Amino acid sequence: MYDLTLDINAYNEKRLKEQSAHLKALQRTVETLADLSERKALTSDEAKGLFEVIRDYGYGLDILDDYDYGRVKAKSTATPDSYHLTYEDAVSPAEFFSLKMPDTHMDLN
């Protein structure tokens, strides 16, 4: 039981450090934005772009957090084959180019 408690505490400490690092990065981003806005008046498009960066950064942190806690569901990435390449189909262009460039010495057999 003692070992399990140590493992849980170590894991929690690691997570706390990671969350702290994420928070510090976000704080640096906000400080940079504040500094930028003090030096130069932002146009509407620039301000919108900066807020989009912050939003996307926050979204990325949420995704990483969900992954860390096992809350990310894998989506199916397999798609049906739209074309099946055969050996003959692949060799045909190679044979064509080997005839056009005989110095390449391609042996396709």
PDB file of N, CA and C in Angstrom:
ATOM      1  N   MET A   1       0.826  -1.192   0.000  1.00  0.00           N
ATOM      2  CA  MET A   1       0.000   0.000   0.000  1.00  0.00           C
ATOM      3  C   MET A   1       0.867   1.252   0.000  1.00  0.00           C
ATOM      4  N   TYR A   2       1.983   1.184   0.697  1.00  0.00           N
ATOM      5  CA  TYR A   2       2.903   2.321   0.780  1.00  0.00           C
ATOM      6  C   TYR A   2       3.459   2.669  -0.590  1.00  0.00           C
ATOM      7  N   ASP A   3       3.829   1.633  -1.371  1.00  0.00           N
ATOM      8  CA  ASP A   3       4.364   1.861  -2.718  1.00  0.00           C
ATOM      9  C   ASP A   3       3.321   2.517  -3.622  1.00  0.00           C
ATOM     10  N   LEU A   4       2.081   2.083  -3.507  1.00  0.00           N
ATOM     11  CA  LEU A   4       1.010   2.655  -4.309  1.00  0.00           C
ATOM     12  C   LEU A   4       0.821   4.134  -3.959  1.00  0.00           C
ATOM     13  N   THR A   5       0.884   4.451  -2.693  1.00  0.00           N
ATOM     14  CA  THR A   5       0.755   5.845  -2.261  1.00  0.00           C
ATOM     15  C   THR A   5       1.895   6.685  -2.820  1.00  0.00           C
ATOM     16  N   LEU A   6       3.110   6.131  -2.802  1.00  0.00           N
ATOM     17  CA  LEU A   6       4.262   6.844  -3.363  1.00  0.00           C
ATOM     18  C   LEU A   6       4.088   7.067  -4.857  1.00  0.00           C
ATOM     19  N   ASP A   7       3.606   6.046  -5.567  1.00  0.00           N
ATOM     20  CA  ASP A   7       3.383   6.173  -7.011  1.00  0.00           C
ATOM     21  C   ASP A   7       2.335   7.243  -7.308  1.00  0.00           C
ATOM     22  N   ILE A   8       1.258   7.239  -6.559  1.00  0.00           N
ATOM     23  CA  ILE A   8       0.192   8.226  -6.773  1.00  0.00           C
ATOM     24  C   ILE A   8       0.711   9.628  -6.482  1.00  0.00           C
ATOM     25  N   ASN A   9       1.462   9.756  -5.394  1.00  0.00           N
ATOM     26  CA  ASN A   9       2.014  11.072  -5.052  1.00  0.00           C
ATOM     27  C   ASN A   9       2.998  11.550  -6.116  1.00  0.00           C
ATOM     28  N   ALA A  10       3.833  10.645  -6.609  1.00  0.00           N
ATOM     29  CA  ALA A  10       4.793  11.009  -7.659  1.00  0.00           C
ATOM     30  C   ALA A  10       4.057  11.434  -8.925  1.00  0.00           C
ATOM     31  N   TYR A  11       3.001  10.702  -9.268  1.00  0.00           N
ATOM     32  CA  TYR A  11       2.219  11.045 -10.449  1.00  0.00           C
ATOM     33  C   TYR A  11       1.557  12.404 -10.274  1.00  0.00           C
ATOM     34  N   ASN A  12       0.952  12.623  -9.110  1.00  0.00           N
ATOM     35  CA  ASN A  12       0.297  13.908  -8.852  1.00  0.00           C
ATOM     36  C   ASN A  12       1.294  15.059  -8.885  1.00  0.00           C
ATOM     37  N   GLU A  13       2.484  14.834  -8.352  1.00  0.00           N
ATOM     38  CA  GLU A  13       3.511  15.877  -8.376  1.00  0.00           C
ATOM     39  C   GLU A  13       3.933  16.178  -9.814  1.00  0.00           C
ATOM     40  N   LYS A  14       4.064  15.140 -10.608  1.00  0.00           N
ATOM     41  CA  LYS A  14       4.427  15.328 -12.015  1.00  0.00           C
ATOM     42  C   LYS A  14       3.346  16.127 -12.738  1.00  0.00           C
ATOM     43  N   ARG A  15       2.083  15.766 -12.520  1.00  0.00           N
ATOM     44  CA  ARG A  15       0.970  16.467 -13.157  1.00  0.00           C
ATOM     45  C   ARG A  15       0.918  17.923 -12.708  1.00  0.00           C
ATOM     46  N   LEU A  16       1.171  18.167 -11.435  1.00  0.00           N
ATOM     47  CA  LEU A  16       1.156  19.526 -10.918  1.00  0.00           C
ATOM     48  C   LEU A  16       2.247  20.365 -11.578  1.00  0.00           C
ATOM     49  N   LYS A  17       3.431  19.776 -11.749  1.00  0.00           N
ATOM     50  CA  LYS A  17       4.524  20.489 -12.419  1.00  0.00           C
ATOM     51  C   LYS A  17       4.163  20.791 -13.866  1.00  0.00           C
ATOM     52  N   GLU A  18       3.541  19.820 -14.547  1.00  0.00           N
ATOM     53  CA  GLU A  18       3.138  20.034 -15.936  1.00  0.00           C
ATOM     54  C   GLU A  18       2.086  21.129 -16.036  1.00  0.00           C
ATOM     55  N   GLN A  19       1.099  21.087 -15.153  1.00  0.00           N
ATOM     56  CA  GLN A  19       0.061  22.113 -15.160  1.00  0.00           C
ATOM     57  C   GLN A  19       0.658  23.479 -14.851  1.00  0.00           C
ATOM     58  N   SER A  20       1.610  23.503 -13.937  1.00  0.00           N
ATOM     59  CA  SER A  20       2.278  24.754 -13.594  1.00  0.00           C
ATOM     60  C   SER A  20       3.039  25.306 -14.793  1.00  0.00           C
ATOM     61  N   ALA A  21       3.697  24.423 -15.528  1.00  0.00           N
ATOM     62  CA  ALA A  21       4.438  24.843 -16.723  1.00  0.00           C
ATOM     63  C   ALA A  21       3.466  25.396 -17.776  1.00  0.00           C
ATOM     64  N   HIS A  22       2.313  24.739 -17.952  1.00  0.00           N
ATOM     65  CA  HIS A  22       1.318  25.226 -18.906  1.00  0.00           C
ATOM     66  C   HIS A  22       0.795  26.599 -18.481  1.00  0.00           C
ATOM     67  N   LEU A  23       0.534  26.747 -17.202  1.00  0.00           N
ATOM     68  CA  LEU A  23       0.036  28.020 -16.692  1.00  0.00           C
ATOM     69  C   LEU A  23       1.064  29.130 -16.893  1.00  0.00           C
ATOM     70  N   LYS A  24       2.337  28.822 -16.620  1.00  0.00           N
ATOM     71  CA  LYS A  24       3.392  29.825 -16.815  1.00  0.00           C
ATOM     72  C   LYS A  24       3.507  30.217 -18.281  1.00  0.00           C
ATOM     73  N   ALA A  25       3.386  29.249 -19.173  1.00  0.00           N
ATOM     74  CA  ALA A  25       3.440  29.549 -20.607  1.00  0.00           C
ATOM     75  C   ALA A  25       2.279  30.448 -21.014  1.00  0.00           C
ATOM     76  N   LEU A  26       1.107  30.164 -20.486  1.00  0.00           N
ATOM     77  CA  LEU A  26      -0.048  30.994 -20.788  1.00  0.00           C
ATOM     78  C   LEU A  26       0.128  32.398 -20.213  1.00  0.00           C
ATOM     79  N   GLN A  27       0.684  32.487 -19.011  1.00  0.00           N
ATOM     80  CA  GLN A  27       0.940  33.791 -18.401  1.00  0.00           C
ATOM     81  C   GLN A  27       1.943  34.594 -19.230  1.00  0.00           C
ATOM     82  N   ARG A  28       2.993  33.926 -19.731  1.00  0.00           N
ATOM     83  CA  ARG A  28       3.974  34.612 -20.587  1.00  0.00           C
ATOM     84  C   ARG A  28       3.312  35.118 -21.860  1.00  0.00           C
ATOM     85  N   THR A  29       2.409  34.329 -22.409  1.00  0.00           N
ATOM     86  CA  THR A  29       1.701  34.743 -23.618  1.00  0.00           C
ATOM     87  C   THR A  29       0.867  35.987 -23.353  1.00  0.00           C
ATOM     88  N   VAL A  30       0.152  35.988 -22.243  1.00  0.00           N
ATOM     89  CA  VAL A  30      -0.676  37.145 -21.899  1.00  0.00           C
ATOM     90  C   VAL A  30       0.202  38.364 -21.641  1.00  0.00           C
ATOM     91  N   GLU A  31       1.328  38.174 -20.944  1.00  0.00           N
ATOM     92  CA  GLU A  31       2.248  39.291 -20.695  1.00  0.00           C
ATOM     93  C   GLU A  31       2.799  39.839 -22.005  1.00  0.00           C
ATOM     94  N   THR A  32       3.133  38.960 -22.932  1.00  0.00           N
ATOM     95  CA  THR A  32       3.638  39.392 -24.237  1.00  0.00           C
ATOM     96  C   THR A  32       2.578  40.195 -24.982  1.00  0.00           C
ATOM     97  N   LEU A  33       1.345  39.724 -24.930  1.00  0.00           N
ATOM     98  CA  LEU A  33       0.259  40.445 -25.587  1.00  0.00           C
ATOM     99  C   LEU A  33       0.042  41.813 -24.948  1.00  0.00           C
ATOM    100  N   ALA A  34       0.101  41.860 -23.628  1.00  0.00           N
ATOM    101  CA  ALA A  34      -0.072  43.135 -22.933  1.00  0.00           C
ATOM    102  C   ALA A  34       1.060  44.090 -23.309  1.00  0.00           C
ATOM    103  N   ASP A  35       2.274  43.588 -23.357  1.00  0.00           N
ATOM    104  CA  ASP A  35       3.426  44.403 -23.726  1.00  0.00           C
ATOM    105  C   ASP A  35       3.289  44.908 -25.163  1.00  0.00           C
ATOM    106  N   LEU A  36       2.859  44.029 -26.039  1.00  0.00           N
ATOM    107  CA  LEU A  36       2.675  44.414 -27.438  1.00  0.00           C
ATOM    108  C   LEU A  36       1.603  45.489 -27.571  1.00  0.00           C
ATOM    109  N   SER A  37       0.516  45.330 -26.831  1.00  0.00           N
ATOM    110  CA  SER A  37      -0.563  46.306 -26.945  1.00  0.00           C
ATOM    111  C   SER A  37      -0.161  47.664 -26.382  1.00  0.00           C
ATOM    112  N   GLU A  38       0.790  47.681 -25.438  1.00  0.00           N
ATOM    113  CA  GLU A  38       1.272  48.957 -24.902  1.00  0.00           C
ATOM    114  C   GLU A  38       2.190  49.668 -25.895  1.00  0.00           C
ATOM    115  N   ARG A  39       2.928  48.904 -26.678  1.00  0.00           N
ATOM    116  CA  ARG A  39       3.872  49.498 -27.626  1.00  0.00           C
ATOM    117  C   ARG A  39       3.205  49.948 -28.913  1.00  0.00           C
ATOM    118  N   LYS A  40       2.145  49.277 -29.318  1.00  0.00           N
ATOM    119  CA  LYS A  40       1.529  49.562 -30.611  1.00  0.00           C
ATOM    120  C   LYS A  40       0.030  49.343 -30.520  1.00  0.00           C
ATOM    121  N   ALA A  41      -0.702  50.270 -31.047  1.00  0.00           N
ATOM    122  CA  ALA A  41      -2.149  50.085 -31.112  1.00  0.00           C
ATOM    123  C   ALA A  41      -2.440  49.004 -32.146  1.00  0.00           C
ATOM    124  N   LEU A  42      -3.166  48.001 -31.734  1.00  0.00           N
ATOM    125  CA  LEU A  42      -3.451  46.882 -32.626  1.00  0.00           C
ATOM    126  C   LEU A  42      -4.656  47.191 -33.506  1.00  0.00           C
ATOM    127  N   THR A  43      -4.547  46.742 -34.737  1.00  0.00           N
ATOM    128  CA  THR A  43      -5.709  46.839 -35.613  1.00  0.00           C
ATOM    129  C   THR A  43      -6.700  45.766 -35.190  1.00  0.00           C
ATOM    130  N   SER A  44      -7.881  45.861 -35.683  1.00  0.00           N
ATOM    131  CA  SER A  44      -8.913  44.873 -35.367  1.00  0.00           C
ATOM    132  C   SER A  44      -8.481  43.477 -35.800  1.00  0.00           C
ATOM    133  N   ASP A  45      -7.890  43.375 -36.994  1.00  0.00           N
ATOM    134  CA  ASP A  45      -7.441  42.069 -37.494  1.00  0.00           C
ATOM    135  C   ASP A  45      -6.313  41.501 -36.644  1.00  0.00           C
ATOM    136  N   GLU A  46      -5.379  42.366 -36.214  1.00  0.00           N
ATOM    137  CA  GLU A  46      -4.278  41.901 -35.362  1.00  0.00           C
ATOM    138  C   GLU A  46      -4.798  41.402 -34.020  1.00  0.00           C
ATOM    139  N   ALA A  47      -5.702  42.156 -33.420  1.00  0.00           N
ATOM    140  CA  ALA A  47      -6.275  41.751 -32.136  1.00  0.00           C
ATOM    141  C   ALA A  47      -7.027  40.430 -32.279  1.00  0.00           C
ATOM    142  N   LYS A  48      -7.793  40.327 -33.351  1.00  0.00           N
ATOM    143  CA  LYS A  48      -8.537  39.090 -33.602  1.00  0.00           C
ATOM    144  C   LYS A  48      -7.573  37.914 -33.769  1.00  0.00           C
ATOM    145  N   GLY A  49      -6.496  38.128 -34.510  1.00  0.00           N
ATOM    146  CA  GLY A  49      -5.498  37.074 -34.713  1.00  0.00           C
ATOM    147  C   GLY A  49      -4.851  36.648 -33.412  1.00  0.00           C
ATOM    148  N   LEU A  50      -4.535  37.611 -32.559  1.00  0.00           N
ATOM    149  CA  LEU A  50      -3.920  37.272 -31.274  1.00  0.00           C
ATOM    150  C   LEU A  50      -4.872  36.479 -30.390  1.00  0.00           C
ATOM    151  N   PHE A  51      -6.138  36.858 -30.370  1.00  0.00           N
ATOM    152  CA  PHE A  51      -7.106  36.106 -29.574  1.00  0.00           C
ATOM    153  C   PHE A  51      -7.304  34.702 -30.127  1.00  0.00           C
ATOM    154  N   GLU A  52      -7.220  34.553 -31.436  1.00  0.00           N
ATOM    155  CA  GLU A  52      -7.320  33.217 -32.032  1.00  0.00           C
ATOM    156  C   GLU A  52      -6.134  32.354 -31.613  1.00  0.00           C
ATOM    157  N   VAL A  53      -4.948  32.964 -31.550  1.00  0.00           N
ATOM    158  CA  VAL A  53      -3.763  32.224 -31.099  1.00  0.00           C
ATOM    159  C   VAL A  53      -3.953  31.745 -29.659  1.00  0.00           C
ATOM    160  N   ILE A  54      -4.441  32.637 -28.806  1.00  0.00           N
ATOM    161  CA  ILE A  54      -4.671  32.262 -27.407  1.00  0.00           C
ATOM    162  C   ILE A  54      -5.724  31.164 -27.319  1.00  0.00           C
ATOM    163  N   ARG A  55      -6.810  31.316 -28.067  1.00  0.00           N
ATOM    164  CA  ARG A  55      -7.867  30.301 -28.052  1.00  0.00           C
ATOM    165  C   ARG A  55      -7.322  28.948 -28.505  1.00  0.00           C
ATOM    166  N   ASP A  56      -6.557  28.955 -29.599  1.00  0.00           N
ATOM    167  CA  ASP A  56      -6.006  27.708 -30.115  1.00  0.00           C
ATOM    168  C   ASP A  56      -5.001  27.103 -29.142  1.00  0.00           C
ATOM    169  N   TYR A  57      -4.224  27.950 -28.482  1.00  0.00           N
ATOM    170  CA  TYR A  57      -3.266  27.467 -27.493  1.00  0.00           C
ATOM    171  C   TYR A  57      -4.005  26.802 -26.334  1.00  0.00           C
ATOM    172  N   GLY A  58      -5.067  27.447 -25.871  1.00  0.00           N
ATOM    173  CA  GLY A  58      -5.871  26.863 -24.795  1.00  0.00           C
ATOM    174  C   GLY A  58      -6.493  25.547 -25.214  1.00  0.00           C
ATOM    175  N   TYR A  59      -6.968  25.487 -26.455  1.00  0.00           N
ATOM    176  CA  TYR A  59      -7.539  24.248 -26.977  1.00  0.00           C
ATOM    177  C   TYR A  59      -6.479  23.144 -27.002  1.00  0.00           C
ATOM    178  N   GLY A  60      -5.274  23.496 -27.416  1.00  0.00           N
ATOM    179  CA  GLY A  60      -4.186  22.521 -27.431  1.00  0.00           C
ATOM    180  C   GLY A  60      -3.873  22.005 -26.031  1.00  0.00           C
ATOM    181  N   LEU A  61      -3.879  22.904 -25.065  1.00  0.00           N
ATOM    182  CA  LEU A  61      -3.644  22.476 -23.674  1.00  0.00           C
ATOM    183  C   LEU A  61      -4.753  21.544 -23.205  1.00  0.00           C
ATOM    184  N   ASP A  62      -5.997  21.846 -23.578  1.00  0.00           N
ATOM    185  CA  ASP A  62      -7.108  20.966 -23.210  1.00  0.00           C
ATOM    186  C   ASP A  62      -6.941  19.581 -23.814  1.00  0.00           C
ATOM    187  N   ILE A  63      -6.534  19.530 -25.071  1.00  0.00           N
ATOM    188  CA  ILE A  63      -6.314  18.234 -25.741  1.00  0.00           C
ATOM    189  C   ILE A  63      -5.213  17.454 -25.032  1.00  0.00           C
ATOM    190  N   LEU A  64      -4.105  18.123 -24.712  1.00  0.00           N
ATOM    191  CA  LEU A  64      -3.017  17.453 -24.004  1.00  0.00           C
ATOM    192  C   LEU A  64      -3.475  16.945 -22.640  1.00  0.00           C
ATOM    193  N   ASP A  65      -4.254  17.736 -21.952  1.00  0.00           N
ATOM    194  CA  ASP A  65      -4.773  17.342 -20.652  1.00  0.00           C
ATOM    195  C   ASP A  65      -5.693  16.128 -20.790  1.00  0.00           C
ATOM    196  N   ASP A  66      -6.580  16.178 -21.780  1.00  0.00           N
ATOM    197  CA  ASP A  66      -7.466  15.034 -22.020  1.00  0.00           C
ATOM    198  C   ASP A  66      -6.663  13.784 -22.348  1.00  0.00           C
ATOM    199  N   TYR A  67      -5.604  13.935 -23.121  1.00  0.00           N
ATOM    200  CA  TYR A  67      -4.754  12.787 -23.457  1.00  0.00           C
ATOM    201  C   TYR A  67      -4.086  12.237 -22.195  1.00  0.00           C
ATOM    202  N   ASP A  68      -3.560  13.131 -21.369  1.00  0.00           N
ATOM    203  CA  ASP A  68      -2.897  12.705 -20.137  1.00  0.00           C
ATOM    204  C   ASP A  68      -3.833  11.922 -19.227  1.00  0.00           C
ATOM    205  N   TYR A  69      -5.092  12.297 -19.211  1.00  0.00           N
ATOM    206  CA  TYR A  69      -6.062  11.637 -18.340  1.00  0.00           C
ATOM    207  C   TYR A  69      -6.837  10.531 -19.046  1.00  0.00           C
ATOM    208  N   GLY A  70      -6.431  10.203 -20.260  1.00  0.00           N
ATOM    209  CA  GLY A  70      -7.055   9.098 -20.977  1.00  0.00           C
ATOM    210  C   GLY A  70      -8.470   9.382 -21.446  1.00  0.00           C
ATOM    211  N   ARG A  71      -8.776  10.644 -21.696  1.00  0.00           N
ATOM    212  CA  ARG A  71     -10.127  11.009 -22.125  1.00  0.00           C
ATOM    213  C   ARG A  71     -10.230  11.205 -23.629  1.00  0.00           C
ATOM    214  N   VAL A  72      -9.167  10.930 -24.366  1.00  0.00           N
ATOM    215  CA  VAL A  72      -9.181  11.113 -25.817  1.00  0.00           C
ATOM    216  C   VAL A  72      -9.614   9.801 -26.464  1.00  0.00           C
ATOM    217  N   LYS A  73     -10.629   9.879 -27.258  1.00  0.00           N
ATOM    218  CA  LYS A  73     -11.121   8.706 -27.974  1.00  0.00           C
ATOM    219  C   LYS A  73     -10.502   8.680 -29.362  1.00  0.00           C
ATOM    220  N   ALA A  74      -9.975   7.536 -29.749  1.00  0.00           N
ATOM    221  CA  ALA A  74      -9.389   7.398 -31.077  1.00  0.00           C
ATOM    222  C   ALA A  74     -10.508   7.319 -32.109  1.00  0.00           C
ATOM    223  N   LYS A  75     -10.360   8.128 -33.133  1.00  0.00           N
ATOM    224  CA  LYS A  75     -11.324   8.104 -34.221  1.00  0.00           C
ATOM    225  C   LYS A  75     -10.800   7.166 -35.292  1.00  0.00           C
ATOM    226  N   SER A  76     -11.700   6.596 -36.025  1.00  0.00           N
ATOM    227  CA  SER A  76     -11.304   5.710 -37.105  1.00  0.00           C
ATOM    228  C   SER A  76     -10.589   6.522 -38.182  1.00  0.00           C
ATOM    229  N   THR A  77      -9.392   6.114 -38.509  1.00  0.00           N
ATOM    230  CA  THR A  77      -8.639   6.818 -39.539  1.00  0.00           C
ATOM    231  C   THR A  77      -8.586   6.019 -40.832  1.00  0.00           C
ATOM    232  N   ALA A  78      -9.065   4.795 -40.768  1.00  0.00           N
ATOM    233  CA  ALA A  78      -9.030   3.954 -41.964  1.00  0.00           C
ATOM    234  C   ALA A  78     -10.139   4.374 -42.919  1.00  0.00           C
ATOM    235  N   THR A  79      -9.771   4.484 -44.168  1.00  0.00           N
ATOM    236  CA  THR A  79     -10.757   4.799 -45.198  1.00  0.00           C
ATOM    237  C   THR A  79     -10.750   3.656 -46.204  1.00  0.00           C
ATOM    238  N   PRO A  80     -11.855   3.433 -46.858  1.00  0.00           N
ATOM    239  CA  PRO A  80     -11.869   2.365 -47.863  1.00  0.00           C
ATOM    240  C   PRO A  80     -10.886   2.686 -48.986  1.00  0.00           C
ATOM    241  N   ASP A  81     -10.290   1.638 -49.500  1.00  0.00           N
ATOM    242  CA  ASP A  81      -9.347   1.825 -50.603  1.00  0.00           C
ATOM    243  C   ASP A  81     -10.081   2.370 -51.819  1.00  0.00           C
ATOM    244  N   SER A  82      -9.595   3.494 -52.318  1.00  0.00           N
ATOM    245  CA  SER A  82     -10.192   4.029 -53.533  1.00  0.00           C
ATOM    246  C   SER A  82      -9.462   3.480 -54.768  1.00  0.00           C
ATOM    247  N   TYR A  83      -8.224   3.026 -54.555  1.00  0.00           N
ATOM    248  CA  TYR A  83      -7.459   2.454 -55.656  1.00  0.00           C
ATOM    249  C   TYR A  83      -6.458   1.485 -55.067  1.00  0.00           C
ATOM    250  N   HIS A  84      -6.367   0.330 -55.654  1.00  0.00           N
ATOM    251  CA  HIS A  84      -5.411  -0.669 -55.193  1.00  0.00           C
ATOM    252  C   HIS A  84      -4.289  -0.753 -56.217  1.00  0.00           C
ATOM    253  N   LEU A  85      -3.086  -0.367 -55.802  1.00  0.00           N
ATOM    254  CA  LEU A  85      -1.926  -0.391 -56.687  1.00  0.00           C
ATOM    255  C   LEU A  85      -1.371  -1.808 -56.754  1.00  0.00           C
ATOM    256  N   THR A  86      -1.280  -2.322 -57.963  1.00  0.00           N
ATOM    257  CA  THR A  86      -0.724  -3.663 -58.144  1.00  0.00           C
ATOM    258  C   THR A  86       0.754  -3.557 -58.508  1.00  0.00           C
ATOM    259  N   TYR A  87       1.435  -4.661 -58.405  1.00  0.00           N
ATOM    260  CA  TYR A  87       2.845  -4.697 -58.767  1.00  0.00           C
ATOM    261  C   TYR A  87       3.025  -4.304 -60.230  1.00  0.00           C
ATOM    262  N   GLU A  88       2.175  -4.814 -61.072  1.00  0.00           N
ATOM    263  CA  GLU A  88       2.274  -4.530 -62.505  1.00  0.00           C
ATOM    264  C   GLU A  88       2.094  -3.038 -62.786  1.00  0.00           C
ATOM    265  N   ASP A  89       1.132  -2.415 -62.080  1.00  0.00           N
ATOM    266  CA  ASP A  89       0.906  -0.982 -62.263  1.00  0.00           C
ATOM    267  C   ASP A  89       2.126  -0.173 -61.830  1.00  0.00           C
ATOM    268  N   ALA A  90       2.784  -0.615 -60.780  1.00  0.00           N
ATOM    269  CA  ALA A  90       3.941   0.111 -60.266  1.00  0.00           C
ATOM    270  C   ALA A  90       5.163  -0.089 -61.144  1.00  0.00           C
ATOM    271  N   VAL A  91       5.323  -1.270 -61.713  1.00  0.00           N
ATOM    272  CA  VAL A  91       6.507  -1.579 -62.515  1.00  0.00           C
ATOM    273  C   VAL A  91       6.430  -0.936 -63.895  1.00  0.00           C
ATOM    274  N   SER A  92       5.242  -0.749 -64.418  1.00  0.00           N
ATOM    275  CA  SER A  92       5.090  -0.209 -65.763  1.00  0.00           C
ATOM    276  C   SER A  92       5.805   1.128 -65.953  1.00  0.00           C
ATOM    277  N   PRO A  93       5.625   2.130 -65.091  1.00  0.00           N
ATOM    278  CA  PRO A  93       6.370   3.378 -65.281  1.00  0.00           C
ATOM    279  C   PRO A  93       7.876   3.183 -65.093  1.00  0.00           C
ATOM    280  N   ALA A  94       8.247   2.290 -64.198  1.00  0.00           N
ATOM    281  CA  ALA A  94       9.672   2.046 -63.983  1.00  0.00           C
ATOM    282  C   ALA A  94      10.297   1.436 -65.232  1.00  0.00           C
ATOM    283  N   GLU A  95       9.591   0.529 -65.861  1.00  0.00           N
ATOM    284  CA  GLU A  95      10.101  -0.057 -67.105  1.00  0.00           C
ATOM    285  C   GLU A  95      10.208   1.006 -68.187  1.00  0.00           C
ATOM    286  N   PHE A  96       9.208   1.876 -68.275  1.00  0.00           N
ATOM    287  CA  PHE A  96       9.215   2.942 -69.262  1.00  0.00           C
ATOM    288  C   PHE A  96      10.453   3.814 -69.085  1.00  0.00           C
ATOM    289  N   PHE A  97      10.731   4.230 -67.842  1.00  0.00           N
ATOM    290  CA  PHE A  97      11.883   5.098 -67.600  1.00  0.00           C
ATOM    291  C   PHE A  97      13.203   4.355 -67.751  1.00  0.00           C
ATOM    292  N   SER A  98      13.210   3.069 -67.482  1.00  0.00           N
ATOM    293  CA  SER A  98      14.460   2.324 -67.661  1.00  0.00           C
ATOM    294  C   SER A  98      14.812   2.216 -69.138  1.00  0.00           C
ATOM    295  N   LEU A  99      13.792   2.207 -70.013  1.00  0.00           N
ATOM    296  CA  LEU A  99      14.051   2.210 -71.454  1.00  0.00           C
ATOM    297  C   LEU A  99      14.535   3.576 -71.916  1.00  0.00           C
ATOM    298  N   LYS A 100      14.019   4.640 -71.306  1.00  0.00           N
ATOM    299  CA  LYS A 100      14.406   5.997 -71.668  1.00  0.00           C
ATOM    300  C   LYS A 100      15.778   6.361 -71.099  1.00  0.00           C
ATOM    301  N   MET A 101      16.151   5.737 -69.984  1.00  0.00           N
ATOM    302  CA  MET A 101      17.432   6.017 -69.339  1.00  0.00           C
ATOM    303  C   MET A 101      18.174   4.709 -69.093  1.00  0.00           C
ATOM    304  N   PRO A 102      18.737   4.121 -70.131  1.00  0.00           N
ATOM    305  CA  PRO A 102      19.344   2.798 -69.997  1.00  0.00           C
ATOM    306  C   PRO A 102      20.550   2.794 -69.039  1.00  0.00           C
ATOM    307  N   ASP A 103      21.136   3.921 -68.745  1.00  0.00           N
ATOM    308  CA  ASP A 103      22.298   3.937 -67.859  1.00  0.00           C
ATOM    309  C   ASP A 103      21.945   3.699 -66.400  1.00  0.00           C
ATOM    310  N   THR A 104      20.673   3.669 -66.067  1.00  0.00           N
ATOM    311  CA  THR A 104      20.262   3.487 -64.673  1.00  0.00           C
ATOM    312  C   THR A 104      20.361   2.043 -64.230  1.00  0.00           C
ATOM    313  N   HIS A 105      20.371   1.106 -65.153  1.00  0.00           N
ATOM    314  CA  HIS A 105      20.503  -0.329 -64.873  1.00  0.00           C
ATOM    315  C   HIS A 105      19.477  -0.806 -63.857  1.00  0.00           C
ATOM    316  N   MET A 106      18.202  -0.517 -64.100  1.00  0.00           N
ATOM    317  CA  MET A 106      17.158  -1.016 -63.217  1.00  0.00           C
ATOM    318  C   MET A 106      16.855  -2.464 -63.593  1.00  0.00           C
ATOM    319  N   ASP A 107      16.926  -3.319 -62.609  1.00  0.00           N
ATOM    320  CA  ASP A 107      16.556  -4.719 -62.826  1.00  0.00           C
ATOM    321  C   ASP A 107      15.216  -4.939 -62.161  1.00  0.00           C
ATOM    322  N   LEU A 108      14.147  -5.057 -62.953  1.00  0.00           N
ATOM    323  CA  LEU A 108      12.795  -5.186 -62.409  1.00  0.00           C
ATOM    324  C   LEU A 108      12.331  -6.624 -62.359  1.00  0.00           C
ATOM    325  N   ASN A 109      13.157  -7.545 -62.651  1.00  0.00           N
ATOM    326  CA  ASN A 109      12.780  -8.963 -62.604  1.00  0.00           C
ATOM    327  C   ASN A 109      13.388  -9.666 -61.432  1.00  0.00           C
TER     328      ASN A 109
END
